[in-house]
């Protein structure tokens, strides 16, 4: 089974990387950087394909927000706190949010949809989104390329010590989720306090 996965990645690596990047997965980019380190992928092409996938994913979410508002009604109700946070970030920071949204866990699909809901220029969003996606891909893949040997050693260790690796991964992921949840709460609480303050005459 393991050899089958390795062979599939070598043969269909760029297709898998594109699909993975559409779904905004850094794990796919780390895979691409590591395979570029071993010579199984071409580094510049891997960066371009991953960036194109990230660009495509965000464009899909943007157009969902722009032309499928009815389909978003239920999603908006379920994630209204995240949409409120995304709207707040857009108001405060403007277009740079398109760059940083790829690094904001839990908001990576919300922010493009939120921008689509506004009158923001589709051409301007596409241009900034494309540049942002290529930078995101380049940073992640190049780092994985540089530290490819260390990553391979960690993968080999995790394969033989999965009973330790799985709980550690769970703790790490839980810590990330908790941290972003706390940041989200603080930002929304500060906004609520400002809205409650009386306007001075």
Protein backbone atom coordinates (compact mmCIF):
# COMPACT_ATOMS: atom_id res chain seq x y z
CA UNK A 1 0.00 0.00 0.00
CA UNK A 2 2.81 2.38 0.92
CA UNK A 3 4.65 1.75 -2.34
CA UNK A 4 1.40 2.28 -4.27
CA UNK A 5 0.97 5.72 -2.68
CA UNK A 6 4.58 6.65 -3.41
CA UNK A 7 4.24 5.55 -7.06
CA UNK A 8 0.93 7.43 -7.42
CA UNK A 9 2.49 10.62 -6.06
CA UNK A 10 5.42 10.31 -8.44
CA UNK A 11 3.19 9.69 -11.47
CA UNK A 12 0.28 12.03 -10.69
CA UNK A 13 2.04 14.40 -8.29
CA UNK A 14 1.16 17.64 -10.06
CA UNK A 15 -2.51 16.71 -10.46
CA UNK A 16 -2.74 15.74 -6.78
CA UNK A 17 -0.90 18.93 -5.80
CA UNK A 18 -3.31 21.10 -7.81
CA UNK A 19 -6.41 19.48 -6.26
CA UNK A 20 -4.89 19.63 -2.79
CA UNK A 21 -4.05 23.32 -3.24
CA UNK A 22 -7.61 24.08 -4.37
CA UNK A 23 -8.66 22.75 -0.96
CA UNK A 24 -6.05 25.03 0.68
CA UNK A 25 -3.87 22.28 2.15
CA UNK A 26 -0.34 23.17 3.32
CA UNK A 27 0.31 19.46 3.70
CA UNK A 28 0.20 19.12 -0.09
CA UNK A 29 2.72 21.94 -0.45
CA UNK A 30 5.04 20.34 2.09
CA UNK A 31 4.73 17.11 0.09
CA UNK A 32 5.65 19.00 -3.10
CA UNK A 33 8.66 20.64 -1.45
CA UNK A 34 9.88 17.32 -0.09
CA UNK A 35 9.43 15.59 -3.47
CA UNK A 36 11.29 18.47 -5.13
CA UNK A 37 14.09 17.85 -2.62
CA UNK A 38 14.26 14.18 -3.64
CA UNK A 39 14.13 15.06 -7.35
CA UNK A 40 10.67 13.59 -7.99
CA UNK A 41 9.15 17.01 -8.76
CA UNK A 42 10.47 20.12 -10.50
CA UNK A 43 10.59 22.96 -7.93
CA UNK A 44 9.47 25.95 -10.11
CA UNK A 45 6.68 23.90 -11.73
CA UNK A 46 5.50 22.64 -8.32
CA UNK A 47 5.30 26.23 -7.04
CA UNK A 48 3.34 27.37 -10.10
CA UNK A 49 0.88 24.43 -9.96
CA UNK A 50 0.30 24.85 -6.23
CA UNK A 51 -0.19 28.60 -6.62
CA UNK A 52 -2.62 28.03 -9.48
CA UNK A 53 -4.59 25.61 -7.32
CA UNK A 54 -4.73 28.06 -4.41
CA UNK A 55 -5.81 30.82 -6.80
CA UNK A 56 -8.54 28.60 -8.31
CA UNK A 57 -9.92 27.64 -4.89
CA UNK A 58 -10.26 31.24 -3.73
CA UNK A 59 -11.79 32.30 -7.03
CA UNK A 60 -14.46 29.61 -6.58
CA UNK A 61 -15.30 30.90 -3.10
CA UNK A 62 -15.33 34.49 -4.36
CA UNK A 63 -17.82 33.69 -7.15
CA UNK A 64 -19.97 31.69 -4.72
CA UNK A 65 -20.23 34.83 -2.62
CA UNK A 66 -20.89 37.02 -5.67
CA UNK A 67 -23.57 34.96 -7.43
CA UNK A 68 -24.92 32.34 -5.01
CA UNK A 69 -26.14 34.42 -2.08
CA UNK A 70 -29.18 32.16 -1.58
CA UNK A 71 -26.95 29.13 -1.18
CA UNK A 72 -24.91 31.06 1.39
CA UNK A 73 -27.87 31.90 3.62
CA UNK A 74 -27.61 28.73 5.72
CA UNK A 75 -23.80 28.86 5.74
CA UNK A 76 -23.93 32.48 6.93
CA UNK A 77 -26.16 31.51 9.85
CA UNK A 78 -23.85 28.67 10.89
CA UNK A 79 -20.69 30.80 10.67
CA UNK A 80 -21.97 34.30 11.40
CA UNK A 81 -19.17 34.99 13.93
CA UNK A 82 -16.51 34.18 11.34
CA UNK A 83 -18.24 36.30 8.69
CA UNK A 84 -18.43 39.17 11.20
CA UNK A 85 -14.70 38.80 11.88
CA UNK A 86 -13.92 38.66 8.15
CA UNK A 87 -16.01 41.81 7.54
CA UNK A 88 -14.19 43.56 10.39
CA UNK A 89 -10.77 42.65 8.95
CA UNK A 90 -11.83 43.87 5.50
CA UNK A 91 -13.02 47.19 6.90
CA UNK A 92 -9.84 47.70 8.90
CA UNK A 93 -7.14 46.44 6.52
CA UNK A 94 -8.68 46.42 3.02
CA UNK A 95 -6.99 44.54 0.16
CA UNK A 96 -3.96 43.26 2.20
CA UNK A 97 -6.42 40.86 3.85
CA UNK A 98 -6.44 38.93 0.54
CA UNK A 99 -2.74 38.27 1.13
CA UNK A 100 -2.92 37.29 4.79
CA UNK A 101 -6.17 35.27 4.64
CA UNK A 102 -4.25 32.14 3.54
CA UNK A 103 -2.55 32.11 6.93
CA UNK A 104 -5.74 32.70 8.97
CA UNK A 105 -6.98 29.25 9.95
CA UNK A 106 -10.77 29.07 9.91
CA UNK A 107 -11.17 32.14 7.69
CA UNK A 108 -9.53 30.95 4.47
CA UNK A 109 -12.84 30.17 2.77
CA UNK A 110 -14.87 32.79 4.65
CA UNK A 111 -12.84 35.83 3.54
CA UNK A 112 -13.08 35.22 -0.26
CA UNK A 113 -16.84 34.62 0.11
CA UNK A 114 -17.16 37.78 2.22
CA UNK A 115 -15.33 39.80 -0.45
CA UNK A 116 -17.60 38.29 -3.10
CA UNK A 117 -20.63 39.51 -1.15
CA UNK A 118 -19.38 43.10 -1.48
CA UNK A 119 -18.96 45.27 -4.57
CA UNK A 120 -15.21 44.69 -4.59
CA UNK A 121 -13.75 44.59 -8.13
CA UNK A 122 -13.57 40.99 -9.40
CA UNK A 123 -10.55 41.85 -11.60
CA UNK A 124 -8.66 43.44 -8.72
CA UNK A 125 -9.44 40.49 -6.46
CA UNK A 126 -8.25 38.01 -9.12
CA UNK A 127 -4.95 39.87 -9.63
CA UNK A 128 -4.16 40.17 -5.92
CA UNK A 129 -5.35 36.62 -5.32
CA UNK A 130 -3.06 35.21 -8.04
CA UNK A 131 0.03 37.03 -6.70
CA UNK A 132 -0.85 36.03 -3.14
CA UNK A 133 -1.33 32.37 -4.09
CA UNK A 134 2.03 32.20 -5.87
CA UNK A 135 3.83 33.78 -2.89
CA UNK A 136 2.04 31.40 -0.49
CA UNK A 137 3.07 28.41 -2.60
CA UNK A 138 6.65 29.61 -3.02
CA UNK A 139 7.24 30.25 0.69
CA UNK A 140 5.81 26.91 1.83
CA UNK A 141 7.32 24.73 -0.90
CA UNK A 142 10.79 26.32 -0.78
CA UNK A 143 10.93 25.88 3.02
CA UNK A 144 9.94 22.22 2.62
CA UNK A 145 12.56 21.89 -0.14
CA UNK A 146 15.30 23.33 2.08
CA UNK A 147 14.36 21.14 5.06
CA UNK A 148 13.45 18.12 2.94
CA UNK A 149 15.90 15.77 4.67
CA UNK A 150 14.60 16.66 8.12
CA UNK A 151 10.99 16.22 6.96
CA UNK A 152 11.81 12.78 5.55
CA UNK A 153 13.38 11.80 8.86
CA UNK A 154 10.27 12.95 10.76
CA UNK A 155 8.01 10.99 8.38
CA UNK A 156 10.15 7.88 8.85
CA UNK A 157 10.07 8.30 12.64
CA UNK A 158 6.28 8.86 12.65
CA UNK A 159 5.79 5.76 10.50
CA UNK A 160 7.52 3.60 13.11
CA UNK A 161 6.19 5.45 16.18
CA UNK A 162 2.63 6.27 15.07
CA UNK A 163 1.30 5.66 18.60
CA UNK A 164 3.27 8.73 19.73
CA UNK A 165 3.01 10.78 16.51
CA UNK A 166 -0.81 10.68 16.32
CA UNK A 167 -1.42 12.05 19.86
CA UNK A 168 1.25 14.73 19.32
CA UNK A 169 -0.41 15.77 16.04
CA UNK A 170 -3.79 15.89 17.79
CA UNK A 171 -2.43 18.07 20.60
CA UNK A 172 -0.77 20.42 18.11
CA UNK A 173 -3.91 20.76 16.00
CA UNK A 174 -6.04 21.29 19.11
CA UNK A 175 -3.66 24.01 20.28
CA UNK A 176 -3.85 25.79 16.91
CA UNK A 177 -7.65 25.62 16.87
CA UNK A 178 -7.89 26.91 20.46
CA UNK A 179 -5.47 29.78 19.78
CA UNK A 180 -7.37 31.00 16.71
CA UNK A 181 -10.67 30.63 18.57
CA UNK A 182 -9.38 32.85 21.39
CA UNK A 183 -8.07 35.46 18.91
CA UNK A 184 -11.44 35.46 17.14
CA UNK A 185 -13.28 35.97 20.45
CA UNK A 186 -11.03 38.86 21.52
CA UNK A 187 -11.38 40.72 18.20
CA UNK A 188 -15.17 40.38 18.22
CA UNK A 189 -15.40 41.38 21.89
CA UNK A 190 -13.36 44.55 21.27
CA UNK A 191 -15.63 45.38 18.34
CA UNK A 192 -18.74 44.84 20.49
CA UNK A 193 -17.33 47.10 23.23
CA UNK A 194 -16.57 49.87 20.72
CA UNK A 195 -20.11 49.62 19.30
CA UNK A 196 -21.58 49.99 22.79
CA UNK A 197 -19.57 53.15 23.57
CA UNK A 198 -21.71 56.32 23.39
CA UNK A 199 -20.81 58.86 20.73
CA UNK A 200 -19.33 62.01 22.33
CA UNK A 201 -21.00 65.28 21.47
